[in-house]
Amino acid sequence: MSVWPNAPSTSLSALHSSAGDLVSISVTVQPRDLEDLLETLAMLDFPVNPQIYHDAVVVYVERDGTQRVEPATIVEFPAYASGLPKIHATFDSCGFDRDAISVSPMLDDLHSGERVEPAPPGAAYAYRILCKQPAAAAMSKH
C-alpha cells in the first residue's frame, strides 16, 4: 500500500536484492558444539556476524500435545536465499545435522519472538518452537 495514488505495486519482498530475499538463519546446537559451529560459519564465502543466544530453549511439541523443553544455544545470522545451497553444503561437510538449520523470511523473524517450525519427515514430534528467551518458552501456549 502506498500514500501515492498511482504507485506501482510489486510482488518483491521489501528485503530483496539480485541475490534473492534476505532470510534469517537459525542454527540450534548444544553448547559444547558452539566453537565448531563458529568455525564452520567462518568457512562461508560471505561475512557472518552471528547473534548468539546462550540461554535459549527448544520446545518440542509431540503429536499428542505434550511438550518437552530442551536447553540449547541458538545462533542466528542473515543471508540471502541464493546462498542457502552453499550454507547447506558447508554445514554438511562439517558434520552438522540439516535439521539444526532453520530458515525464515527476515521480516517474519524480526516481528516474532519465537520461531515455530514443522517437524522434518520421520520426526517423533509434530513441531518445535525455538525460543531465544527461556521465560517465553515457559509461558508458551502452543
Protein backbone atom coordinates (compact mmCIF):
# COMPACT_ATOMS: atom_id res chain seq x y z
CA MET A 1 0.00 0.00 0.00
CA SER A 2 1.23 3.50 -0.76
CA VAL A 3 0.16 7.03 0.02
CA TRP A 4 0.72 7.86 -3.66
CA PRO A 5 -2.36 7.26 -5.82
CA ASN A 6 -0.54 5.70 -8.80
CA ALA A 7 2.33 3.91 -7.10
CA PRO A 8 3.20 0.64 -8.83
CA SER A 9 2.66 -2.45 -6.74
CA THR A 10 5.33 -5.09 -6.61
CA SER A 11 5.38 -8.71 -5.56
CA LEU A 12 9.01 -8.49 -4.50
CA SER A 13 9.92 -8.70 -0.86
CA ALA A 14 10.89 -5.48 0.85
CA LEU A 15 14.21 -7.16 1.61
CA HIS A 16 15.06 -8.43 -1.86
CA SER A 17 18.17 -7.99 -3.98
CA SER A 18 19.74 -9.60 -7.01
CA ALA A 19 20.94 -12.32 -4.58
CA GLY A 20 17.34 -13.13 -3.61
CA ASP A 21 15.34 -12.49 -0.46
CA LEU A 22 17.10 -11.71 2.77
CA VAL A 23 16.42 -14.54 5.20
CA SER A 24 17.19 -15.27 8.82
CA ILE A 25 19.05 -18.48 9.51
CA SER A 26 18.89 -20.06 12.95
CA VAL A 27 21.13 -22.93 13.94
CA THR A 28 20.41 -24.89 17.09
CA VAL A 29 23.43 -26.52 18.72
CA GLN A 30 24.46 -27.96 22.03
CA PRO A 31 26.69 -25.51 23.93
CA ARG A 32 29.68 -27.86 23.55
CA ASP A 33 29.36 -27.60 19.73
CA LEU A 34 29.30 -23.79 19.58
CA GLU A 35 33.00 -23.40 18.80
CA ASP A 36 32.76 -25.90 15.92
CA LEU A 37 29.73 -24.05 14.57
CA LEU A 38 31.54 -20.70 14.66
CA GLU A 39 34.49 -22.25 12.81
CA THR A 40 32.05 -23.57 10.21
CA LEU A 41 30.49 -20.12 9.78
CA ALA A 42 33.98 -18.69 9.20
CA MET A 43 34.33 -21.02 6.21
CA LEU A 44 31.44 -19.35 4.35
CA ASP A 45 32.33 -17.03 1.49
CA PHE A 46 30.43 -14.06 2.91
CA PRO A 47 30.84 -12.26 6.23
CA VAL A 48 28.75 -13.62 9.07
CA ASN A 49 28.08 -11.62 12.21
CA PRO A 50 26.14 -14.13 14.30
CA GLN A 51 23.83 -13.34 17.18
CA ILE A 52 24.28 -15.98 19.87
CA TYR A 53 21.59 -16.87 22.41
CA HIS A 54 23.27 -18.98 25.08
CA ASP A 55 20.23 -19.48 27.31
CA ALA A 56 17.75 -20.46 24.62
CA VAL A 57 15.45 -23.46 24.64
CA VAL A 58 13.73 -25.61 22.07
CA VAL A 59 10.19 -26.74 22.86
CA TYR A 60 9.28 -29.97 21.11
CA VAL A 61 5.53 -30.45 20.81
CA GLU A 62 4.59 -34.10 20.46
CA ARG A 63 1.70 -35.30 18.33
CA ASP A 64 -0.43 -35.80 21.47
CA GLY A 65 0.18 -32.19 22.53
CA THR A 66 2.69 -32.89 25.29
CA GLN A 67 5.76 -30.70 25.36
CA ARG A 68 9.37 -31.25 26.28
CA VAL A 69 11.78 -28.39 26.73
CA GLU A 70 15.48 -28.79 25.96
CA PRO A 71 18.16 -26.18 26.61
CA ALA A 72 20.09 -25.13 23.53
CA THR A 73 22.28 -22.47 22.07
CA ILE A 74 20.72 -20.70 19.08
CA VAL A 75 22.93 -18.88 16.61
CA GLU A 76 21.25 -16.55 14.12
CA PHE A 77 22.59 -14.66 11.13
CA PRO A 78 21.19 -13.07 7.98
CA ALA A 79 21.92 -14.38 4.49
CA TYR A 80 20.49 -14.13 1.02
CA ALA A 81 18.41 -17.02 -0.28
CA SER A 82 20.84 -17.64 -3.14
CA GLY A 83 23.48 -18.57 -0.56
CA LEU A 84 21.45 -21.36 1.05
CA PRO A 85 22.92 -24.19 -1.08
CA LYS A 86 26.46 -23.11 -0.11
CA ILE A 87 25.45 -22.88 3.57
CA HIS A 88 23.91 -26.36 3.50
CA ALA A 89 26.95 -27.81 1.70
CA THR A 90 29.35 -26.23 4.20
CA PHE A 91 27.34 -27.48 7.17
CA ASP A 92 27.11 -30.97 5.63
CA SER A 93 30.87 -31.11 5.06
CA CYS A 94 31.47 -30.16 8.71
CA GLY A 95 29.09 -32.79 10.08
CA PHE A 96 26.20 -30.59 11.20
CA ASP A 97 22.69 -32.01 11.01
CA ARG A 98 20.48 -30.22 8.46
CA ASP A 99 17.59 -30.42 10.91
CA ALA A 100 19.52 -27.99 13.14
CA ILE A 101 19.19 -25.27 10.47
CA SER A 102 16.02 -23.22 10.25
CA VAL A 103 15.33 -20.55 7.62
CA SER A 104 12.61 -17.90 7.69
CA PRO A 105 11.93 -14.62 5.89
CA MET A 106 13.82 -11.83 7.65
CA LEU A 107 10.73 -9.67 8.21
CA ASP A 108 8.90 -12.58 9.84
CA ASP A 109 11.86 -13.17 12.14
CA LEU A 110 12.09 -9.50 13.09
CA HIS A 111 8.40 -9.40 14.08
CA SER A 112 8.35 -12.64 16.04
CA GLY A 113 9.80 -13.50 19.43
CA GLU A 114 9.92 -17.19 18.67
CA ARG A 115 10.07 -19.39 15.62
CA VAL A 116 7.62 -22.26 15.11
CA GLU A 117 8.67 -24.83 12.57
CA PRO A 118 7.18 -28.14 11.44
CA ALA A 119 8.98 -31.36 12.17
CA PRO A 120 11.11 -32.86 9.40
CA PRO A 121 9.81 -36.07 7.79
CA GLY A 122 10.07 -39.03 10.15
CA ALA A 123 10.48 -36.97 13.34
CA ALA A 124 8.77 -38.16 16.50
CA TYR A 125 7.43 -34.68 17.28
CA ALA A 126 4.80 -32.59 15.45
CA TYR A 127 6.63 -29.24 15.53
CA ARG A 128 9.18 -27.35 17.55
CA ILE A 129 9.44 -23.83 18.88
CA LEU A 130 12.79 -22.05 19.01
CA CYS A 131 12.75 -19.67 21.97
CA LYS A 132 15.56 -17.20 22.48
CA GLN A 133 14.26 -16.42 25.97
CA PRO A 134 13.58 -19.35 28.33
CA ALA A 135 10.81 -17.40 30.09
CA ALA A 136 8.96 -17.19 26.78
CA ALA A 137 9.05 -20.97 26.45
CA ALA A 138 7.63 -21.46 29.94
CA MET A 139 4.71 -19.19 29.11
CA SER A 140 4.16 -20.62 25.60
CA LYS A 141 0.56 -21.58 24.89
CA HIS A 142 1.16 -23.59 21.68
